[in-house]
Amino acid sequence: MRPYIVAGNWKMNLDARSGQSLASEIRATLEQTHPGGLVRVLLCPPFPLLPSVAEALTGSDIGLGGQNLYPADNGAFTGEVSAPMLAAAGCSHVILGHSERRGYFGETDAFINKKVRHALAHKLLPIICMGETLEQREQDKARQTVETQFRGVLKDIDGDSVGNLILAYEPVWAIGTGKTATPKQAQEMHGFIRTLLSSTYGDSVAQSVVLQYGGSVNADNAADLFAQEDVDGGLIGGASLRTQDFLSIVTAAAEAAKRT
């Protein structure tokens, strides 16, 4: 059975004090309300916040993730962060290929593929994002776009490694806009990604890969999204900055986990 995983992507928000406070609040409430851990929870703060958030999470079941990395161990790459640095900071996961990285910084599938391989080489588990723009969806190119991204970012990565990845479907038109894919739209794309996994790596691998949905997930729509067969949790943006909203989403995932 695949685990449900809910990851909070804090993006470029908070500071060391407020980030540590939020992490502590989330930890305390989860330990009271979700003993036994039906859902795997990850927090992905900005790089400068990693030490303080890691301190707040020490000894808990909540994982820590980075928001990006550069595919080299070290070197003259001003402003970049490597997988060994993230691992040393306590990270177990890293977000790669987010549409904001693609859109604002011009990251390509080939470059993201290098990052994925670098992360795996250093035992970091990538959360790999993919998704179409509104224009691509309206032109009936959503599946074509996602398949191109899928094949590009996973190029030359073996099935054993793919089986441990998290793939996050994040339609670009739903990120930070307040718009959300309907549960039917989310399931259709997740089912398509599962089919791509099966045809490329075999059904066993396909059934082991966690597929998250991201794109304006909130306390009101999370339950319907997580009730879909191939939606295994969420990559949460804005709602992860509000303790009660984030915990409501985790609760929705826990309820879905109980039904599986």
C-alpha atoms as a PDB file:
ATOM      1  CA  MET A   1       0.000   0.000   0.000  1.00  0.00           C
ATOM      2  CA  ARG A   2       1.348   3.417  -0.962  1.00  0.00           C
ATOM      3  CA  PRO A   3       1.733   5.926   1.871  1.00  0.00           C
ATOM      4  CA  TYR A   4      -0.054   9.248   1.851  1.00  0.00           C
ATOM      5  CA  ILE A   5       2.471  12.074   1.888  1.00  0.00           C
ATOM      6  CA  VAL A   6       1.645  15.723   2.544  1.00  0.00           C
ATOM      7  CA  ALA A   7       4.496  18.165   2.001  1.00  0.00           C
ATOM      8  CA  GLY A   8       4.427  21.854   2.860  1.00  0.00           C
ATOM      9  CA  ASN A   9       6.311  24.033   0.379  1.00  0.00           C
ATOM     10  CA  TRP A  10       6.863  27.313   2.208  1.00  0.00           C
ATOM     11  CA  LYS A  11       8.433  28.925  -0.859  1.00  0.00           C
ATOM     12  CA  MET A  12      10.129  32.288  -0.090  1.00  0.00           C
ATOM     13  CA  ASN A  13       8.251  33.031   3.132  1.00  0.00           C
ATOM     14  CA  LEU A  14       8.897  33.385   6.879  1.00  0.00           C
ATOM     15  CA  ASP A  15      12.143  33.872   8.792  1.00  0.00           C
ATOM     16  CA  ALA A  16      14.061  31.734  11.261  1.00  0.00           C
ATOM     17  CA  ARG A  17      11.892  32.640  14.252  1.00  0.00           C
ATOM     18  CA  SER A  18       8.481  32.443  12.569  1.00  0.00           C
ATOM     19  CA  GLY A  19       9.483  29.301  10.673  1.00  0.00           C
ATOM     20  CA  GLN A  20      10.575  27.551  13.835  1.00  0.00           C
ATOM     21  CA  SER A  21       7.368  28.621  15.547  1.00  0.00           C
ATOM     22  CA  LEU A  22       5.214  27.272  12.719  1.00  0.00           C
ATOM     23  CA  ALA A  23       7.114  23.987  12.636  1.00  0.00           C
ATOM     24  CA  SER A  24       6.749  23.638  16.414  1.00  0.00           C
ATOM     25  CA  GLU A  25       3.007  24.301  16.238  1.00  0.00           C
ATOM     26  CA  ILE A  26       2.527  21.766  13.464  1.00  0.00           C
ATOM     27  CA  ARG A  27       4.587  19.194  15.334  1.00  0.00           C
ATOM     28  CA  ALA A  28       2.768  19.661  18.637  1.00  0.00           C
ATOM     29  CA  THR A  29      -0.677  19.398  17.092  1.00  0.00           C
ATOM     30  CA  LEU A  30       0.185  16.410  14.917  1.00  0.00           C
ATOM     31  CA  GLU A  31       1.573  14.529  17.896  1.00  0.00           C
ATOM     32  CA  GLN A  32      -1.692  15.136  19.743  1.00  0.00           C
ATOM     33  CA  THR A  33      -4.106  14.405  16.927  1.00  0.00           C
ATOM     34  CA  HIS A  34      -2.328  11.887  14.679  1.00  0.00           C
ATOM     35  CA  PRO A  35      -0.489   9.367  16.852  1.00  0.00           C
ATOM     36  CA  GLY A  36       0.596   6.405  14.791  1.00  0.00           C
ATOM     37  CA  GLY A  37       1.225   8.480  11.695  1.00  0.00           C
ATOM     38  CA  LEU A  38      -1.165   7.402   8.938  1.00  0.00           C
ATOM     39  CA  VAL A  39       0.313  10.214   6.852  1.00  0.00           C
ATOM     40  CA  ARG A  40       3.937  11.113   6.176  1.00  0.00           C
ATOM     41  CA  VAL A  41       4.386  14.861   6.655  1.00  0.00           C
ATOM     42  CA  LEU A  42       7.248  16.914   5.230  1.00  0.00           C
ATOM     43  CA  LEU A  43       8.122  20.579   5.665  1.00  0.00           C
ATOM     44  CA  CYS A  44      10.173  22.343   2.982  1.00  0.00           C
ATOM     45  CA  PRO A  45      11.283  25.790   4.195  1.00  0.00           C
ATOM     46  CA  PRO A  46      13.631  28.242   2.455  1.00  0.00           C
ATOM     47  CA  PHE A  47      17.319  27.331   2.768  1.00  0.00           C
ATOM     48  CA  PRO A  48      18.212  29.810   5.578  1.00  0.00           C
ATOM     49  CA  LEU A  49      15.411  28.372   7.728  1.00  0.00           C
ATOM     50  CA  LEU A  50      16.540  24.756   7.525  1.00  0.00           C
ATOM     51  CA  PRO A  51      18.607  24.738  10.759  1.00  0.00           C
ATOM     52  CA  SER A  52      15.892  26.303  12.914  1.00  0.00           C
ATOM     53  CA  VAL A  53      13.134  24.143  11.446  1.00  0.00           C
ATOM     54  CA  ALA A  54      15.303  21.045  11.791  1.00  0.00           C
ATOM     55  CA  GLU A  55      15.774  21.901  15.461  1.00  0.00           C
ATOM     56  CA  ALA A  56      12.016  22.198  15.942  1.00  0.00           C
ATOM     57  CA  LEU A  57      11.444  18.818  14.301  1.00  0.00           C
ATOM     58  CA  THR A  58      14.227  16.878  16.066  1.00  0.00           C
ATOM     59  CA  GLY A  59      12.878  13.592  17.410  1.00  0.00           C
ATOM     60  CA  SER A  60       9.583  13.875  15.525  1.00  0.00           C
ATOM     61  CA  ASP A  61       8.201  11.905  12.586  1.00  0.00           C
ATOM     62  CA  ILE A  62       8.012  15.027  10.409  1.00  0.00           C
ATOM     63  CA  GLY A  63      10.529  15.057   7.578  1.00  0.00           C
ATOM     64  CA  LEU A  64      12.523  17.992   6.254  1.00  0.00           C
ATOM     65  CA  GLY A  65      12.974  18.866   2.608  1.00  0.00           C
ATOM     66  CA  GLY A  66      14.824  21.401   0.499  1.00  0.00           C
ATOM     67  CA  GLN A  67      13.142  23.459  -2.204  1.00  0.00           C
ATOM     68  CA  ASN A  68      15.826  23.022  -4.850  1.00  0.00           C
ATOM     69  CA  LEU A  69      19.445  22.006  -5.442  1.00  0.00           C
ATOM     70  CA  TYR A  70      22.253  22.397  -7.948  1.00  0.00           C
ATOM     71  CA  PRO A  71      23.619  19.182  -9.501  1.00  0.00           C
ATOM     72  CA  ALA A  72      27.189  19.392  -8.220  1.00  0.00           C
ATOM     73  CA  ASP A  73      28.740  18.535  -4.864  1.00  0.00           C
ATOM     74  CA  ASN A  74      30.585  21.870  -4.623  1.00  0.00           C
ATOM     75  CA  GLY A  75      32.247  24.524  -6.758  1.00  0.00           C
ATOM     76  CA  ALA A  76      31.966  28.050  -8.106  1.00  0.00           C
ATOM     77  CA  PHE A  77      28.164  28.190  -8.258  1.00  0.00           C
ATOM     78  CA  THR A  78      27.324  31.352  -6.350  1.00  0.00           C
ATOM     79  CA  GLY A  79      23.929  31.253  -4.692  1.00  0.00           C
ATOM     80  CA  GLU A  80      23.385  27.525  -5.203  1.00  0.00           C
ATOM     81  CA  VAL A  81      22.971  24.625  -2.770  1.00  0.00           C
ATOM     82  CA  SER A  82      24.098  21.019  -3.238  1.00  0.00           C
ATOM     83  CA  ALA A  83      22.610  17.703  -2.174  1.00  0.00           C
ATOM     84  CA  PRO A  84      25.368  17.093   0.424  1.00  0.00           C
ATOM     85  CA  MET A  85      24.565  20.490   1.985  1.00  0.00           C
ATOM     86  CA  LEU A  86      20.865  19.634   2.203  1.00  0.00           C
ATOM     87  CA  ALA A  87      21.600  16.216   3.667  1.00  0.00           C
ATOM     88  CA  ALA A  88      23.922  17.755   6.260  1.00  0.00           C
ATOM     89  CA  ALA A  89      21.128  20.158   7.221  1.00  0.00           C
ATOM     90  CA  GLY A  90      18.861  17.188   7.955  1.00  0.00           C
ATOM     91  CA  CYS A  91      16.901  16.968   4.713  1.00  0.00           C
ATOM     92  CA  SER A  92      15.520  13.663   3.495  1.00  0.00           C
ATOM     93  CA  HIS A  93      13.697  15.096   0.462  1.00  0.00           C
ATOM     94  CA  VAL A  94      14.037  17.857  -2.111  1.00  0.00           C
ATOM     95  CA  ILE A  95      11.532  19.513  -4.457  1.00  0.00           C
ATOM     96  CA  LEU A  96      12.699  19.541  -8.077  1.00  0.00           C
ATOM     97  CA  GLY A  97      11.192  20.854 -11.300  1.00  0.00           C
ATOM     98  CA  HIS A  98       8.613  23.149  -9.739  1.00  0.00           C
ATOM     99  CA  SER A  99       6.854  25.277 -12.354  1.00  0.00           C
ATOM    100  CA  GLU A 100       8.183  28.405 -10.664  1.00  0.00           C
ATOM    101  CA  ARG A 101      11.709  27.153 -11.263  1.00  0.00           C
ATOM    102  CA  ARG A 102      10.829  26.346 -14.858  1.00  0.00           C
ATOM    103  CA  GLY A 103       8.991  29.613 -15.480  1.00  0.00           C
ATOM    104  CA  TYR A 104      11.089  32.176 -13.603  1.00  0.00           C
ATOM    105  CA  PHE A 105      14.524  30.587 -13.981  1.00  0.00           C
ATOM    106  CA  GLY A 106      14.276  28.743 -17.281  1.00  0.00           C
ATOM    107  CA  GLU A 107      14.924  25.243 -15.959  1.00  0.00           C
ATOM    108  CA  THR A 108      14.562  22.545 -18.604  1.00  0.00           C
ATOM    109  CA  ASP A 109      13.636  18.891 -18.305  1.00  0.00           C
ATOM    110  CA  ALA A 110      17.255  17.954 -19.084  1.00  0.00           C
ATOM    111  CA  PHE A 111      18.584  20.157 -16.279  1.00  0.00           C
ATOM    112  CA  ILE A 112      15.984  18.847 -13.849  1.00  0.00           C
ATOM    113  CA  ASN A 113      17.011  15.317 -14.816  1.00  0.00           C
ATOM    114  CA  LYS A 114      20.586  16.138 -13.762  1.00  0.00           C
ATOM    115  CA  LYS A 115      19.246  17.368 -10.429  1.00  0.00           C
ATOM    116  CA  VAL A 116      17.199  14.221  -9.900  1.00  0.00           C
ATOM    117  CA  ARG A 117      20.229  12.005 -10.531  1.00  0.00           C
ATOM    118  CA  HIS A 118      22.366  14.159  -8.221  1.00  0.00           C
ATOM    119  CA  ALA A 119      19.772  13.928  -5.447  1.00  0.00           C
ATOM    120  CA  LEU A 120      19.470  10.158  -5.773  1.00  0.00           C
ATOM    121  CA  ALA A 121      23.248   9.752  -5.734  1.00  0.00           C
ATOM    122  CA  HIS A 122      23.240  11.420  -2.321  1.00  0.00           C
ATOM    123  CA  LYS A 123      20.248   9.502  -0.929  1.00  0.00           C
ATOM    124  CA  LEU A 124      17.867  12.453  -1.119  1.00  0.00           C
ATOM    125  CA  LEU A 125      14.376  11.567  -2.313  1.00  0.00           C
ATOM    126  CA  PRO A 126      13.112  13.980  -4.982  1.00  0.00           C
ATOM    127  CA  ILE A 127       9.596  15.338  -5.205  1.00  0.00           C
ATOM    128  CA  ILE A 128       9.461  15.908  -8.965  1.00  0.00           C
ATOM    129  CA  CYS A 129       6.885  18.381 -10.252  1.00  0.00           C
ATOM    130  CA  MET A 130       5.158  18.339 -13.607  1.00  0.00           C
ATOM    131  CA  GLY A 131       2.108  20.028 -15.055  1.00  0.00           C
ATOM    132  CA  GLU A 132       0.656  21.995 -17.925  1.00  0.00           C
ATOM    133  CA  THR A 133      -0.181  25.670 -18.377  1.00  0.00           C
ATOM    134  CA  LEU A 134      -3.743  26.872 -18.961  1.00  0.00           C
ATOM    135  CA  GLU A 135      -2.936  27.468 -22.640  1.00  0.00           C
ATOM    136  CA  GLN A 136      -1.666  23.913 -23.028  1.00  0.00           C
ATOM    137  CA  ARG A 137      -4.790  22.515 -21.380  1.00  0.00           C
ATOM    138  CA  GLU A 138      -7.095  24.629 -23.536  1.00  0.00           C
ATOM    139  CA  GLN A 139      -5.216  23.404 -26.627  1.00  0.00           C
ATOM    140  CA  ASP A 140      -5.762  19.802 -25.474  1.00  0.00           C
ATOM    141  CA  LYS A 141      -2.017  19.376 -24.933  1.00  0.00           C
ATOM    142  CA  ALA A 142      -2.082  18.655 -21.184  1.00  0.00           C
ATOM    143  CA  ARG A 143      -1.222  14.962 -21.491  1.00  0.00           C
ATOM    144  CA  GLN A 144       1.366  15.598 -24.181  1.00  0.00           C
ATOM    145  CA  THR A 145       3.039  18.220 -21.973  1.00  0.00           C
ATOM    146  CA  VAL A 146       3.080  16.014 -18.895  1.00  0.00           C
ATOM    147  CA  GLU A 147       4.388  13.013 -20.840  1.00  0.00           C
ATOM    148  CA  THR A 148       7.218  15.115 -22.307  1.00  0.00           C
ATOM    149  CA  GLN A 149       8.161  16.311 -18.827  1.00  0.00           C
ATOM    150  CA  PHE A 150       7.859  12.783 -17.411  1.00  0.00           C
ATOM    151  CA  ARG A 151      10.199  11.284 -19.987  1.00  0.00           C
ATOM    152  CA  GLY A 152      12.632  14.188 -19.791  1.00  0.00           C
ATOM    153  CA  VAL A 153      13.085  14.361 -16.041  1.00  0.00           C
ATOM    154  CA  LEU A 154      13.259  10.563 -15.632  1.00  0.00           C
ATOM    155  CA  LYS A 155      15.634   9.897 -18.535  1.00  0.00           C
ATOM    156  CA  ASP A 156      18.183   7.164 -17.738  1.00  0.00           C
ATOM    157  CA  ILE A 157      16.823   6.625 -14.218  1.00  0.00           C
ATOM    158  CA  ASP A 158      16.262   2.942 -13.427  1.00  0.00           C
ATOM    159  CA  GLY A 159      13.072   1.433 -12.119  1.00  0.00           C
ATOM    160  CA  ASP A 160      14.423   0.723  -8.638  1.00  0.00           C
ATOM    161  CA  SER A 161      15.180   4.420  -8.194  1.00  0.00           C
ATOM    162  CA  VAL A 162      11.904   5.554  -9.745  1.00  0.00           C
ATOM    163  CA  GLY A 163       9.984   3.363  -7.318  1.00  0.00           C
ATOM    164  CA  ASN A 164      11.183   5.551  -4.448  1.00  0.00           C
ATOM    165  CA  LEU A 165      10.339   8.890  -6.044  1.00  0.00           C
ATOM    166  CA  ILE A 166       7.417  11.197  -5.410  1.00  0.00           C
ATOM    167  CA  LEU A 167       5.830  12.697  -8.517  1.00  0.00           C
ATOM    168  CA  ALA A 168       3.730  15.810  -8.001  1.00  0.00           C
ATOM    169  CA  TYR A 169       1.177  16.812 -10.615  1.00  0.00           C
ATOM    170  CA  GLU A 170       0.843  20.578 -10.352  1.00  0.00           C
ATOM    171  CA  PRO A 171      -1.181  22.197 -13.132  1.00  0.00           C
ATOM    172  CA  VAL A 172       0.504  25.578 -13.576  1.00  0.00           C
ATOM    173  CA  TRP A 173      -2.855  27.316 -13.934  1.00  0.00           C
ATOM    174  CA  ALA A 174      -3.819  26.205 -10.420  1.00  0.00           C
ATOM    175  CA  ILE A 175      -0.666  27.224  -8.513  1.00  0.00           C
ATOM    176  CA  GLY A 176      -1.257  30.246  -6.304  1.00  0.00           C
ATOM    177  CA  THR A 177      -4.305  31.274  -8.312  1.00  0.00           C
ATOM    178  CA  GLY A 178      -7.059  29.968  -6.079  1.00  0.00           C
ATOM    179  CA  LYS A 179      -8.154  27.719  -8.961  1.00  0.00           C
ATOM    180  CA  THR A 180      -7.951  23.993  -8.392  1.00  0.00           C
ATOM    181  CA  ALA A 181      -8.264  21.056 -10.740  1.00  0.00           C
ATOM    182  CA  THR A 182     -11.506  19.243 -10.067  1.00  0.00           C
ATOM    183  CA  PRO A 183     -11.120  15.852  -8.387  1.00  0.00           C
ATOM    184  CA  LYS A 184     -12.005  14.292 -11.755  1.00  0.00           C
ATOM    185  CA  GLN A 185      -9.321  16.307 -13.583  1.00  0.00           C
ATOM    186  CA  ALA A 186      -6.750  15.438 -10.924  1.00  0.00           C
ATOM    187  CA  GLN A 187      -7.576  11.727 -11.076  1.00  0.00           C
ATOM    188  CA  GLU A 188      -7.495  11.683 -14.869  1.00  0.00           C
ATOM    189  CA  MET A 189      -3.964  13.087 -14.943  1.00  0.00           C
ATOM    190  CA  HIS A 190      -2.747  11.015 -12.021  1.00  0.00           C
ATOM    191  CA  GLY A 191      -4.155   7.923 -13.686  1.00  0.00           C
ATOM    192  CA  PHE A 192      -2.360   8.894 -16.892  1.00  0.00           C
ATOM    193  CA  ILE A 193       0.944   9.320 -15.021  1.00  0.00           C
ATOM    194  CA  ARG A 194       0.416   5.940 -13.354  1.00  0.00           C
ATOM    195  CA  THR A 195      -0.101   4.439 -16.817  1.00  0.00           C
ATOM    196  CA  LEU A 196       3.130   6.047 -18.049  1.00  0.00           C
ATOM    197  CA  LEU A 197       4.956   4.557 -15.080  1.00  0.00           C
ATOM    198  CA  SER A 198       3.504   1.126 -15.761  1.00  0.00           C
ATOM    199  CA  SER A 199       4.325   1.121 -19.468  1.00  0.00           C
ATOM    200  CA  THR A 200       7.864   2.384 -18.816  1.00  0.00           C
ATOM    201  CA  TYR A 201       8.893   0.598 -15.622  1.00  0.00           C
ATOM    202  CA  GLY A 202       6.297  -2.108 -15.028  1.00  0.00           C
ATOM    203  CA  ASP A 203       3.196  -2.294 -12.879  1.00  0.00           C
ATOM    204  CA  SER A 204       5.025  -3.077  -9.641  1.00  0.00           C
ATOM    205  CA  VAL A 205       7.012   0.157  -9.846  1.00  0.00           C
ATOM    206  CA  ALA A 206       3.975   2.098 -11.001  1.00  0.00           C
ATOM    207  CA  GLN A 207       1.950   1.003  -7.993  1.00  0.00           C
ATOM    208  CA  SER A 208       4.719   1.955  -5.559  1.00  0.00           C
ATOM    209  CA  VAL A 209       5.193   5.564  -6.702  1.00  0.00           C
ATOM    210  CA  VAL A 210       3.465   8.237  -4.626  1.00  0.00           C
ATOM    211  CA  LEU A 211       1.606  10.745  -6.799  1.00  0.00           C
ATOM    212  CA  GLN A 212       0.875  14.029  -5.071  1.00  0.00           C
ATOM    213  CA  TYR A 213      -1.481  16.720  -6.288  1.00  0.00           C
ATOM    214  CA  GLY A 214      -0.485  20.368  -5.914  1.00  0.00           C
ATOM    215  CA  GLY A 215      -2.262  23.520  -6.967  1.00  0.00           C
ATOM    216  CA  SER A 216      -4.311  25.571  -4.485  1.00  0.00           C
ATOM    217  CA  VAL A 217      -5.067  22.612  -2.220  1.00  0.00           C
ATOM    218  CA  ASN A 218      -6.882  23.863   0.872  1.00  0.00           C
ATOM    219  CA  ALA A 219      -8.882  22.650   3.852  1.00  0.00           C
ATOM    220  CA  ASP A 220     -12.111  22.706   1.828  1.00  0.00           C
ATOM    221  CA  ASN A 221     -11.061  20.685  -1.232  1.00  0.00           C
ATOM    222  CA  ALA A 222      -8.417  18.323   0.167  1.00  0.00           C
ATOM    223  CA  ALA A 223     -10.800  15.523   1.151  1.00  0.00           C
ATOM    224  CA  ASP A 224     -12.350  15.271  -2.321  1.00  0.00           C
ATOM    225  CA  LEU A 225      -8.929  15.334  -3.992  1.00  0.00           C
ATOM    226  CA  PHE A 226      -7.424  12.713  -1.692  1.00  0.00           C
ATOM    227  CA  ALA A 227     -10.429  10.446  -2.167  1.00  0.00           C
ATOM    228  CA  GLN A 228      -9.309   9.807  -5.750  1.00  0.00           C
ATOM    229  CA  GLU A 229      -7.722   6.428  -6.430  1.00  0.00           C
ATOM    230  CA  ASP A 230      -4.380   7.719  -7.682  1.00  0.00           C
ATOM    231  CA  VAL A 231      -3.986  10.856  -5.547  1.00  0.00           C
ATOM    232  CA  ASP A 232      -1.632   9.940  -2.702  1.00  0.00           C
ATOM    233  CA  GLY A 233      -1.405  13.255  -0.875  1.00  0.00           C
ATOM    234  CA  GLY A 234      -0.429  16.785  -1.751  1.00  0.00           C
ATOM    235  CA  LEU A 235       2.349  19.305  -2.255  1.00  0.00           C
ATOM    236  CA  ILE A 236       0.891  22.272  -0.418  1.00  0.00           C
ATOM    237  CA  GLY A 237       1.853  25.896  -0.973  1.00  0.00           C
ATOM    238  CA  GLY A 238       0.059  28.781   0.726  1.00  0.00           C
ATOM    239  CA  ALA A 239      -2.057  26.640   3.032  1.00  0.00           C
ATOM    240  CA  SER A 240       1.107  25.123   4.549  1.00  0.00           C
ATOM    241  CA  LEU A 241       1.892  28.525   6.103  1.00  0.00           C
ATOM    242  CA  ARG A 242      -1.252  28.388   8.257  1.00  0.00           C
ATOM    243  CA  THR A 243      -1.152  25.758  10.967  1.00  0.00           C
ATOM    244  CA  GLN A 244      -4.843  24.886  11.109  1.00  0.00           C
ATOM    245  CA  ASP A 245      -5.281  24.833   7.333  1.00  0.00           C
ATOM    246  CA  PHE A 246      -2.266  22.571   6.903  1.00  0.00           C
ATOM    247  CA  LEU A 247      -3.412  20.269   9.690  1.00  0.00           C
ATOM    248  CA  SER A 248      -6.878  20.047   8.130  1.00  0.00           C
ATOM    249  CA  ILE A 249      -5.236  18.875   4.914  1.00  0.00           C
ATOM    250  CA  VAL A 250      -3.196  16.283   6.816  1.00  0.00           C
ATOM    251  CA  THR A 251      -6.404  15.119   8.509  1.00  0.00           C
ATOM    252  CA  ALA A 252      -8.074  14.725   5.100  1.00  0.00           C
ATOM    253  CA  ALA A 253      -5.146  12.577   3.977  1.00  0.00           C
ATOM    254  CA  ALA A 254      -5.378  10.486   7.152  1.00  0.00           C
ATOM    255  CA  GLU A 255      -9.075   9.869   6.544  1.00  0.00           C
ATOM    256  CA  ALA A 256      -8.307   8.782   2.989  1.00  0.00           C
ATOM    257  CA  ALA A 257      -5.576   6.479   4.286  1.00  0.00           C
ATOM    258  CA  LYS A 258      -8.042   4.791   6.646  1.00  0.00           C
ATOM    259  CA  ARG A 259     -10.250   3.886   3.691  1.00  0.00           C
ATOM    260  CA  THR A 260      -7.504   2.194   1.688  1.00  0.00           C
END
